[in-house]
Amino acid sequence: MSSGVRANLPAVSVRNRIEIVHGVNLDQLGRRDPSIYGELTFDALEYRITEWASGLGLTARFFQTNHEGELVEHLHAMQGLADAIVINPGAWTHYAWAIRDALEIAALPTIEVHLSDPMQREEWRHVSVVEELCLATYRGQGPEGYRLALEHLKGALDG
């Protein structure tokens, strides 16, 4: 039976919700050039990310779209739903200023990830319009880049 008196316990702030945002063509992993993107399918990548996040005490939620406006709207809705973002904008990385602005509006700690290394590819891929808003960028490490991003965010959220 409760007396209605609450113990004076310190408030616990859990900051563990990571939004994994995949941009254009990422849903085609497994079909795209395996020499650039590897052979892992999109579903297998998300499963692997879920396992890594869980092992770090993080909760991963996923979003993927091939429509730039949908990605912008999704980033606008992040307040109160996520504590941090891992984003792979795909080809939008190089020119989608609307996504950059929406990421700035989201105002959450963010890590940019690319399966391939855009700096080792075509010249037009060398620019990232979101990089300056991110805590870090992991390029060319395949799926491991997502694990590194999660570890980085875990440290940032705990610190």
N, C-alpha and C. Protein backbone atom coordinates (compact mmCIF):
# COMPACT_ATOMS: atom_id res chain seq x y z
N MET A 1 0.85 -1.18 0.00
CA MET A 1 0.00 0.00 0.00
C MET A 1 0.89 1.24 0.00
N SER A 2 0.60 2.16 -0.86
CA SER A 2 1.39 3.37 -1.00
C SER A 2 0.85 4.46 -0.09
N SER A 3 1.74 5.22 0.51
CA SER A 3 1.33 6.31 1.38
C SER A 3 1.08 7.60 0.60
N GLY A 4 1.36 7.57 -0.70
CA GLY A 4 1.20 8.76 -1.51
C GLY A 4 2.41 9.67 -1.46
N VAL A 5 3.40 9.33 -0.64
CA VAL A 5 4.62 10.11 -0.55
C VAL A 5 5.65 9.50 -1.47
N ARG A 6 6.24 10.31 -2.30
CA ARG A 6 7.26 9.82 -3.24
C ARG A 6 8.64 10.02 -2.64
N ALA A 7 9.48 9.06 -2.89
CA ALA A 7 10.87 9.20 -2.46
C ALA A 7 11.50 10.34 -3.25
N ASN A 8 12.39 11.05 -2.66
CA ASN A 8 13.07 12.15 -3.32
C ASN A 8 14.25 11.60 -4.12
N LEU A 9 13.93 11.05 -5.29
CA LEU A 9 14.95 10.44 -6.14
C LEU A 9 15.37 11.43 -7.21
N PRO A 10 16.63 11.36 -7.61
CA PRO A 10 17.07 12.26 -8.68
C PRO A 10 16.40 11.88 -10.00
N ALA A 11 16.11 12.88 -10.79
CA ALA A 11 15.53 12.64 -12.12
C ALA A 11 16.58 11.97 -12.99
N VAL A 12 16.15 11.02 -13.78
CA VAL A 12 17.04 10.33 -14.69
C VAL A 12 16.70 10.77 -16.11
N SER A 13 17.69 11.26 -16.80
CA SER A 13 17.50 11.68 -18.18
C SER A 13 18.09 10.62 -19.09
N VAL A 14 17.23 9.97 -19.83
CA VAL A 14 17.69 8.96 -20.76
C VAL A 14 17.74 9.60 -22.14
N ARG A 15 18.93 9.64 -22.69
CA ARG A 15 19.12 10.21 -24.03
C ARG A 15 19.71 9.11 -24.90
N ASN A 16 18.82 8.32 -25.47
CA ASN A 16 19.31 7.16 -26.20
C ASN A 16 18.59 6.90 -27.53
N ARG A 17 17.76 7.84 -27.97
CA ARG A 17 16.97 7.62 -29.18
C ARG A 17 17.72 8.18 -30.39
N ILE A 18 18.15 7.26 -31.27
CA ILE A 18 18.92 7.65 -32.44
C ILE A 18 18.08 7.43 -33.69
N GLU A 19 17.92 8.50 -34.45
CA GLU A 19 17.20 8.42 -35.72
C GLU A 19 18.22 8.14 -36.82
N ILE A 20 18.05 7.03 -37.51
CA ILE A 20 18.92 6.67 -38.62
C ILE A 20 18.20 7.09 -39.90
N VAL A 21 18.75 8.08 -40.58
CA VAL A 21 18.09 8.66 -41.75
C VAL A 21 18.87 8.28 -43.00
N HIS A 22 18.20 7.55 -43.88
CA HIS A 22 18.79 7.12 -45.15
C HIS A 22 18.14 7.89 -46.28
N GLY A 23 18.95 8.49 -47.12
CA GLY A 23 18.45 9.25 -48.25
C GLY A 23 18.29 8.42 -49.51
N VAL A 24 18.32 9.13 -50.59
CA VAL A 24 18.02 8.61 -51.91
C VAL A 24 18.88 7.40 -52.29
N ASN A 25 18.23 6.39 -52.80
CA ASN A 25 18.81 5.15 -53.34
C ASN A 25 19.40 4.20 -52.30
N LEU A 26 19.39 4.57 -51.03
CA LEU A 26 19.95 3.65 -50.03
C LEU A 26 19.11 2.38 -49.92
N ASP A 27 17.83 2.47 -50.24
CA ASP A 27 16.97 1.28 -50.21
C ASP A 27 17.35 0.27 -51.28
N GLN A 28 18.26 0.65 -52.17
CA GLN A 28 18.68 -0.23 -53.26
C GLN A 28 19.98 -0.99 -52.95
N LEU A 29 20.44 -0.88 -51.71
CA LEU A 29 21.64 -1.65 -51.35
C LEU A 29 21.39 -3.13 -51.62
N GLY A 30 22.40 -3.78 -52.10
CA GLY A 30 22.26 -5.17 -52.53
C GLY A 30 22.04 -5.26 -54.03
N ARG A 31 21.54 -4.19 -54.63
CA ARG A 31 21.36 -4.10 -56.08
C ARG A 31 22.37 -3.17 -56.71
N ARG A 32 22.88 -2.24 -55.93
CA ARG A 32 23.84 -1.26 -56.45
C ARG A 32 25.21 -1.90 -56.57
N ASP A 33 26.10 -1.25 -57.26
CA ASP A 33 27.44 -1.76 -57.54
C ASP A 33 28.13 -2.23 -56.25
N PRO A 34 28.31 -3.55 -56.09
CA PRO A 34 28.90 -4.07 -54.86
C PRO A 34 30.37 -3.67 -54.68
N SER A 35 31.06 -3.31 -55.76
CA SER A 35 32.44 -2.87 -55.61
C SER A 35 32.52 -1.50 -54.93
N ILE A 36 31.43 -0.77 -54.94
CA ILE A 36 31.38 0.54 -54.27
C ILE A 36 30.63 0.46 -52.95
N TYR A 37 29.48 -0.22 -52.95
CA TYR A 37 28.58 -0.21 -51.80
C TYR A 37 28.56 -1.51 -51.00
N GLY A 38 29.28 -2.51 -51.43
CA GLY A 38 29.26 -3.79 -50.74
C GLY A 38 28.05 -4.62 -51.13
N GLU A 39 27.96 -5.79 -50.56
CA GLU A 39 26.88 -6.71 -50.93
C GLU A 39 25.76 -6.78 -49.90
N LEU A 40 25.91 -6.08 -48.80
CA LEU A 40 24.90 -6.09 -47.76
C LEU A 40 23.61 -5.44 -48.27
N THR A 41 22.48 -6.08 -48.02
CA THR A 41 21.20 -5.50 -48.41
C THR A 41 20.80 -4.41 -47.42
N PHE A 42 19.85 -3.60 -47.81
CA PHE A 42 19.35 -2.53 -46.95
C PHE A 42 18.78 -3.10 -45.65
N ASP A 43 17.96 -4.15 -45.77
CA ASP A 43 17.37 -4.76 -44.57
C ASP A 43 18.45 -5.32 -43.65
N ALA A 44 19.47 -5.94 -44.23
CA ALA A 44 20.56 -6.49 -43.41
C ALA A 44 21.34 -5.37 -42.73
N LEU A 45 21.52 -4.25 -43.42
CA LEU A 45 22.20 -3.11 -42.82
C LEU A 45 21.41 -2.59 -41.62
N GLU A 46 20.13 -2.42 -41.78
CA GLU A 46 19.31 -1.93 -40.67
C GLU A 46 19.31 -2.91 -39.50
N TYR A 47 19.29 -4.20 -39.79
CA TYR A 47 19.36 -5.21 -38.72
C TYR A 47 20.68 -5.08 -37.96
N ARG A 48 21.77 -4.92 -38.68
CA ARG A 48 23.09 -4.79 -38.06
C ARG A 48 23.16 -3.52 -37.20
N ILE A 49 22.62 -2.42 -37.72
CA ILE A 49 22.61 -1.17 -36.97
C ILE A 49 21.80 -1.33 -35.68
N THR A 50 20.67 -2.01 -35.77
CA THR A 50 19.83 -2.26 -34.60
C THR A 50 20.61 -3.03 -33.54
N GLU A 51 21.35 -4.04 -33.94
CA GLU A 51 22.15 -4.83 -32.99
C GLU A 51 23.23 -3.97 -32.34
N TRP A 52 23.95 -3.18 -33.14
CA TRP A 52 24.99 -2.32 -32.59
C TRP A 52 24.40 -1.32 -31.60
N ALA A 53 23.29 -0.70 -31.98
CA ALA A 53 22.65 0.29 -31.11
C ALA A 53 22.23 -0.35 -29.80
N SER A 54 21.58 -1.48 -29.88
CA SER A 54 21.13 -2.18 -28.68
C SER A 54 22.30 -2.50 -27.75
N GLY A 55 23.41 -2.94 -28.32
CA GLY A 55 24.59 -3.25 -27.52
C GLY A 55 25.16 -2.04 -26.80
N LEU A 56 24.86 -0.86 -27.31
CA LEU A 56 25.33 0.38 -26.68
C LEU A 56 24.27 1.02 -25.78
N GLY A 57 23.12 0.36 -25.65
CA GLY A 57 22.04 0.92 -24.86
C GLY A 57 21.29 2.02 -25.59
N LEU A 58 21.37 2.01 -26.91
CA LEU A 58 20.68 3.00 -27.73
C LEU A 58 19.49 2.35 -28.43
N THR A 59 18.51 3.16 -28.74
CA THR A 59 17.36 2.70 -29.51
C THR A 59 17.42 3.35 -30.89
N ALA A 60 17.49 2.53 -31.91
CA ALA A 60 17.57 3.04 -33.28
C ALA A 60 16.19 2.98 -33.92
N ARG A 61 15.85 4.06 -34.58
CA ARG A 61 14.62 4.13 -35.39
C ARG A 61 15.06 4.54 -36.78
N PHE A 62 14.41 4.01 -37.80
CA PHE A 62 14.87 4.18 -39.18
C PHE A 62 13.87 4.96 -40.03
N PHE A 63 14.44 5.71 -40.96
CA PHE A 63 13.65 6.41 -41.97
C PHE A 63 14.45 6.41 -43.26
N GLN A 64 13.79 6.07 -44.37
CA GLN A 64 14.42 6.12 -45.69
C GLN A 64 13.39 6.65 -46.67
N THR A 65 13.86 7.51 -47.57
CA THR A 65 13.00 8.01 -48.63
C THR A 65 13.83 8.35 -49.86
N ASN A 66 13.17 8.30 -50.99
CA ASN A 66 13.76 8.74 -52.25
C ASN A 66 13.17 10.07 -52.69
N HIS A 67 12.48 10.75 -51.77
CA HIS A 67 11.83 12.02 -52.06
C HIS A 67 12.36 13.09 -51.11
N GLU A 68 13.05 14.06 -51.67
CA GLU A 68 13.73 15.07 -50.87
C GLU A 68 12.79 15.79 -49.90
N GLY A 69 11.61 16.17 -50.36
CA GLY A 69 10.66 16.86 -49.49
C GLY A 69 10.25 16.03 -48.29
N GLU A 70 10.10 14.72 -48.48
CA GLU A 70 9.77 13.84 -47.36
C GLU A 70 10.88 13.84 -46.32
N LEU A 71 12.12 13.85 -46.78
CA LEU A 71 13.25 13.88 -45.84
C LEU A 71 13.26 15.20 -45.07
N VAL A 72 13.01 16.30 -45.76
CA VAL A 72 12.94 17.61 -45.10
C VAL A 72 11.84 17.59 -44.04
N GLU A 73 10.64 17.13 -44.39
CA GLU A 73 9.53 17.07 -43.43
C GLU A 73 9.86 16.18 -42.24
N HIS A 74 10.54 15.07 -42.51
CA HIS A 74 10.92 14.16 -41.43
C HIS A 74 11.87 14.84 -40.45
N LEU A 75 12.86 15.54 -40.97
CA LEU A 75 13.79 16.26 -40.09
C LEU A 75 13.07 17.36 -39.30
N HIS A 76 12.09 18.00 -39.90
CA HIS A 76 11.31 19.02 -39.19
C HIS A 76 10.58 18.42 -38.00
N ALA A 77 10.23 17.15 -38.06
CA ALA A 77 9.44 16.50 -37.02
C ALA A 77 10.28 15.86 -35.91
N MET A 78 11.57 16.01 -35.93
CA MET A 78 12.44 15.31 -34.99
C MET A 78 12.36 15.80 -33.54
N GLN A 79 11.95 17.04 -33.32
CA GLN A 79 11.92 17.57 -31.96
C GLN A 79 11.07 16.70 -31.05
N GLY A 80 11.67 16.22 -29.99
CA GLY A 80 10.98 15.38 -29.03
C GLY A 80 10.92 13.91 -29.40
N LEU A 81 11.31 13.55 -30.63
CA LEU A 81 11.25 12.16 -31.07
C LEU A 81 12.60 11.47 -31.07
N ALA A 82 13.66 12.25 -31.14
CA ALA A 82 15.00 11.67 -31.21
C ALA A 82 15.96 12.54 -30.40
N ASP A 83 17.04 11.92 -29.96
CA ASP A 83 18.08 12.63 -29.21
C ASP A 83 19.30 12.91 -30.08
N ALA A 84 19.41 12.20 -31.18
CA ALA A 84 20.54 12.38 -32.10
C ALA A 84 20.18 11.74 -33.44
N ILE A 85 20.97 12.08 -34.45
CA ILE A 85 20.71 11.61 -35.81
C ILE A 85 21.99 11.04 -36.41
N VAL A 86 21.85 9.92 -37.12
CA VAL A 86 22.87 9.43 -38.04
C VAL A 86 22.26 9.59 -39.42
N ILE A 87 22.93 10.32 -40.29
CA ILE A 87 22.35 10.59 -41.61
C ILE A 87 23.30 10.18 -42.72
N ASN A 88 22.74 9.48 -43.70
CA ASN A 88 23.41 9.21 -44.96
C ASN A 88 22.48 9.75 -46.04
N PRO A 89 22.70 10.99 -46.48
CA PRO A 89 21.79 11.58 -47.46
C PRO A 89 21.92 11.02 -48.87
N GLY A 90 22.88 10.13 -49.10
CA GLY A 90 23.09 9.65 -50.46
C GLY A 90 23.55 10.79 -51.34
N ALA A 91 23.15 10.80 -52.58
CA ALA A 91 23.57 11.83 -53.53
C ALA A 91 23.12 13.23 -53.12
N TRP A 92 22.10 13.34 -52.28
CA TRP A 92 21.66 14.65 -51.79
C TRP A 92 22.75 15.35 -50.99
N THR A 93 23.70 14.58 -50.49
CA THR A 93 24.82 15.13 -49.72
C THR A 93 25.45 16.31 -50.44
N HIS A 94 25.51 16.24 -51.74
CA HIS A 94 26.35 17.14 -52.51
C HIS A 94 25.66 18.41 -52.99
N TYR A 95 24.34 18.49 -52.84
CA TYR A 95 23.66 19.67 -53.38
C TYR A 95 22.34 20.04 -52.71
N ALA A 96 21.82 19.25 -51.79
CA ALA A 96 20.48 19.46 -51.25
C ALA A 96 20.51 20.44 -50.07
N TRP A 97 20.52 21.72 -50.39
CA TRP A 97 20.58 22.75 -49.36
C TRP A 97 19.33 22.74 -48.49
N ALA A 98 18.20 22.31 -49.02
CA ALA A 98 16.98 22.22 -48.21
C ALA A 98 17.14 21.18 -47.10
N ILE A 99 17.81 20.07 -47.39
CA ILE A 99 18.08 19.06 -46.36
C ILE A 99 19.06 19.62 -45.34
N ARG A 100 20.06 20.34 -45.79
CA ARG A 100 21.01 20.97 -44.87
C ARG A 100 20.27 21.90 -43.91
N ASP A 101 19.36 22.74 -44.45
CA ASP A 101 18.63 23.67 -43.61
C ASP A 101 17.71 22.94 -42.64
N ALA A 102 17.06 21.87 -43.10
CA ALA A 102 16.18 21.09 -42.21
C ALA A 102 16.98 20.42 -41.11
N LEU A 103 18.18 19.97 -41.41
CA LEU A 103 19.04 19.37 -40.39
C LEU A 103 19.43 20.43 -39.35
N GLU A 104 19.69 21.64 -39.82
CA GLU A 104 20.00 22.73 -38.89
C GLU A 104 18.79 23.03 -38.00
N ILE A 105 17.60 23.02 -38.56
CA ILE A 105 16.38 23.25 -37.78
C ILE A 105 16.18 22.14 -36.75
N ALA A 106 16.48 20.90 -37.12
CA ALA A 106 16.34 19.78 -36.18
C ALA A 106 17.21 20.00 -34.94
N ALA A 107 18.37 20.60 -35.12
CA ALA A 107 19.25 21.01 -34.02
C ALA A 107 19.58 19.86 -33.06
N LEU A 108 19.88 18.70 -33.62
CA LEU A 108 20.27 17.54 -32.81
C LEU A 108 21.70 17.15 -33.15
N PRO A 109 22.41 16.56 -32.20
CA PRO A 109 23.74 16.04 -32.53
C PRO A 109 23.62 15.06 -33.69
N THR A 110 24.45 15.25 -34.70
CA THR A 110 24.32 14.46 -35.93
C THR A 110 25.68 13.97 -36.39
N ILE A 111 25.69 12.75 -36.90
CA ILE A 111 26.87 12.17 -37.54
C ILE A 111 26.49 11.83 -38.97
N GLU A 112 27.36 12.20 -39.91
CA GLU A 112 27.17 11.89 -41.33
C GLU A 112 27.93 10.61 -41.65
N VAL A 113 27.29 9.71 -42.38
CA VAL A 113 27.90 8.43 -42.74
C VAL A 113 27.75 8.20 -44.24
N HIS A 114 28.80 7.66 -44.85
CA HIS A 114 28.76 7.22 -46.25
C HIS A 114 29.43 5.87 -46.35
N LEU A 115 28.77 4.92 -46.97
CA LEU A 115 29.34 3.58 -47.14
C LEU A 115 30.62 3.63 -47.96
N SER A 116 30.58 4.39 -49.05
CA SER A 116 31.77 4.57 -49.89
C SER A 116 32.49 5.84 -49.43
N ASP A 117 33.62 6.12 -50.03
CA ASP A 117 34.33 7.35 -49.73
C ASP A 117 34.14 8.32 -50.89
N PRO A 118 33.22 9.28 -50.74
CA PRO A 118 32.97 10.22 -51.83
C PRO A 118 34.22 10.98 -52.27
N MET A 119 35.18 11.16 -51.39
CA MET A 119 36.40 11.89 -51.73
C MET A 119 37.28 11.11 -52.70
N GLN A 120 37.03 9.82 -52.85
CA GLN A 120 37.78 8.97 -53.76
C GLN A 120 37.00 8.68 -55.04
N ARG A 121 35.89 9.40 -55.21
CA ARG A 121 35.03 9.16 -56.37
C ARG A 121 34.98 10.40 -57.25
N GLU A 122 33.95 10.55 -58.03
CA GLU A 122 33.83 11.67 -58.96
C GLU A 122 33.96 13.01 -58.22
N GLU A 123 34.50 13.98 -58.94
CA GLU A 123 34.74 15.32 -58.37
C GLU A 123 33.48 15.92 -57.73
N TRP A 124 32.33 15.75 -58.37
CA TRP A 124 31.10 16.36 -57.86
C TRP A 124 30.67 15.80 -56.51
N ARG A 125 31.21 14.64 -56.15
CA ARG A 125 30.86 14.03 -54.85
C ARG A 125 31.73 14.55 -53.70
N HIS A 126 32.68 15.41 -53.97
CA HIS A 126 33.62 15.85 -52.94
C HIS A 126 33.05 16.89 -51.99
N VAL A 127 31.89 17.43 -52.29
CA VAL A 127 31.26 18.45 -51.45
C VAL A 127 30.15 17.81 -50.62
N SER A 128 30.12 18.17 -49.33
CA SER A 128 29.01 17.78 -48.47
C SER A 128 28.38 19.05 -47.91
N VAL A 129 27.12 19.26 -48.22
CA VAL A 129 26.44 20.46 -47.72
C VAL A 129 25.99 20.30 -46.27
N VAL A 130 26.06 19.09 -45.71
CA VAL A 130 25.65 18.87 -44.32
C VAL A 130 26.83 18.73 -43.36
N GLU A 131 28.01 18.53 -43.87
CA GLU A 131 29.17 18.21 -43.04
C GLU A 131 29.41 19.21 -41.91
N GLU A 132 29.28 20.50 -42.19
CA GLU A 132 29.58 21.51 -41.16
C GLU A 132 28.60 21.46 -39.99
N LEU A 133 27.45 20.80 -40.16
CA LEU A 133 26.47 20.68 -39.09
C LEU A 133 26.67 19.42 -38.25
N CYS A 134 27.60 18.58 -38.66
CA CYS A 134 27.77 17.26 -38.04
C CYS A 134 28.96 17.23 -37.09
N LEU A 135 28.82 16.41 -36.05
CA LEU A 135 29.92 16.21 -35.11
C LEU A 135 31.09 15.52 -35.78
N ALA A 136 30.79 14.64 -36.73
CA ALA A 136 31.83 13.89 -37.44
C ALA A 136 31.22 13.32 -38.71
N THR A 137 32.10 12.90 -39.61
CA THR A 137 31.70 12.20 -40.83
C THR A 137 32.53 10.94 -40.94
N TYR A 138 31.87 9.82 -41.19
CA TYR A 138 32.55 8.54 -41.42
C TYR A 138 32.32 8.16 -42.87
N ARG A 139 33.41 8.05 -43.63
CA ARG A 139 33.35 7.75 -45.06
C ARG A 139 34.14 6.50 -45.38
N GLY A 140 33.62 5.72 -46.32
CA GLY A 140 34.40 4.63 -46.89
C GLY A 140 34.68 3.47 -45.96
N GLN A 141 33.91 3.35 -44.92
CA GLN A 141 34.13 2.25 -43.98
C GLN A 141 33.02 1.21 -44.05
N GLY A 142 32.20 1.31 -45.10
CA GLY A 142 31.11 0.37 -45.26
C GLY A 142 30.17 0.46 -44.08
N PRO A 143 29.51 -0.64 -43.74
CA PRO A 143 28.58 -0.64 -42.60
C PRO A 143 29.24 -0.25 -41.28
N GLU A 144 30.53 -0.51 -41.14
CA GLU A 144 31.24 -0.16 -39.90
C GLU A 144 31.14 1.33 -39.58
N GLY A 145 30.97 2.15 -40.60
CA GLY A 145 30.81 3.59 -40.37
C GLY A 145 29.61 3.88 -39.48
N TYR A 146 28.56 3.08 -39.62
CA TYR A 146 27.38 3.27 -38.77
C TYR A 146 27.69 2.88 -37.32
N ARG A 147 28.44 1.82 -37.13
CA ARG A 147 28.82 1.43 -35.76
C ARG A 147 29.65 2.53 -35.12
N LEU A 148 30.61 3.08 -35.88
CA LEU A 148 31.44 4.16 -35.36
C LEU A 148 30.60 5.40 -35.03
N ALA A 149 29.62 5.68 -35.87
CA ALA A 149 28.73 6.82 -35.62
C ALA A 149 27.93 6.61 -34.34
N LEU A 150 27.41 5.41 -34.14
CA LEU A 150 26.65 5.12 -32.93
C LEU A 150 27.53 5.25 -31.69
N GLU A 151 28.75 4.73 -31.76
CA GLU A 151 29.68 4.85 -30.62
C GLU A 151 29.98 6.32 -30.33
N HIS A 152 30.20 7.10 -31.37
CA HIS A 152 30.48 8.53 -31.23
C HIS A 152 29.30 9.22 -30.55
N LEU A 153 28.09 8.95 -31.02
CA LEU A 153 26.91 9.57 -30.43
C LEU A 153 26.67 9.12 -28.99
N LYS A 154 26.93 7.87 -28.71
CA LYS A 154 26.78 7.37 -27.34
C LYS A 154 27.68 8.19 -26.40
N GLY A 155 28.91 8.42 -26.80
CA GLY A 155 29.80 9.24 -26.00
C GLY A 155 29.31 10.66 -25.86
N ALA A 156 28.83 11.23 -26.95
CA ALA A 156 28.33 12.61 -26.93
C ALA A 156 27.09 12.74 -26.03
N LEU A 157 26.19 11.78 -26.11
CA LEU A 157 24.97 11.84 -25.31
C LEU A 157 25.25 11.57 -23.84
N ASP A 158 26.21 10.72 -23.55
CA ASP A 158 26.56 10.43 -22.15
C ASP A 158 27.38 11.55 -21.52
N GLY A 159 28.11 12.29 -22.37
CA GLY A 159 29.03 13.31 -21.87
C GLY A 159 28.31 14.57 -21.55
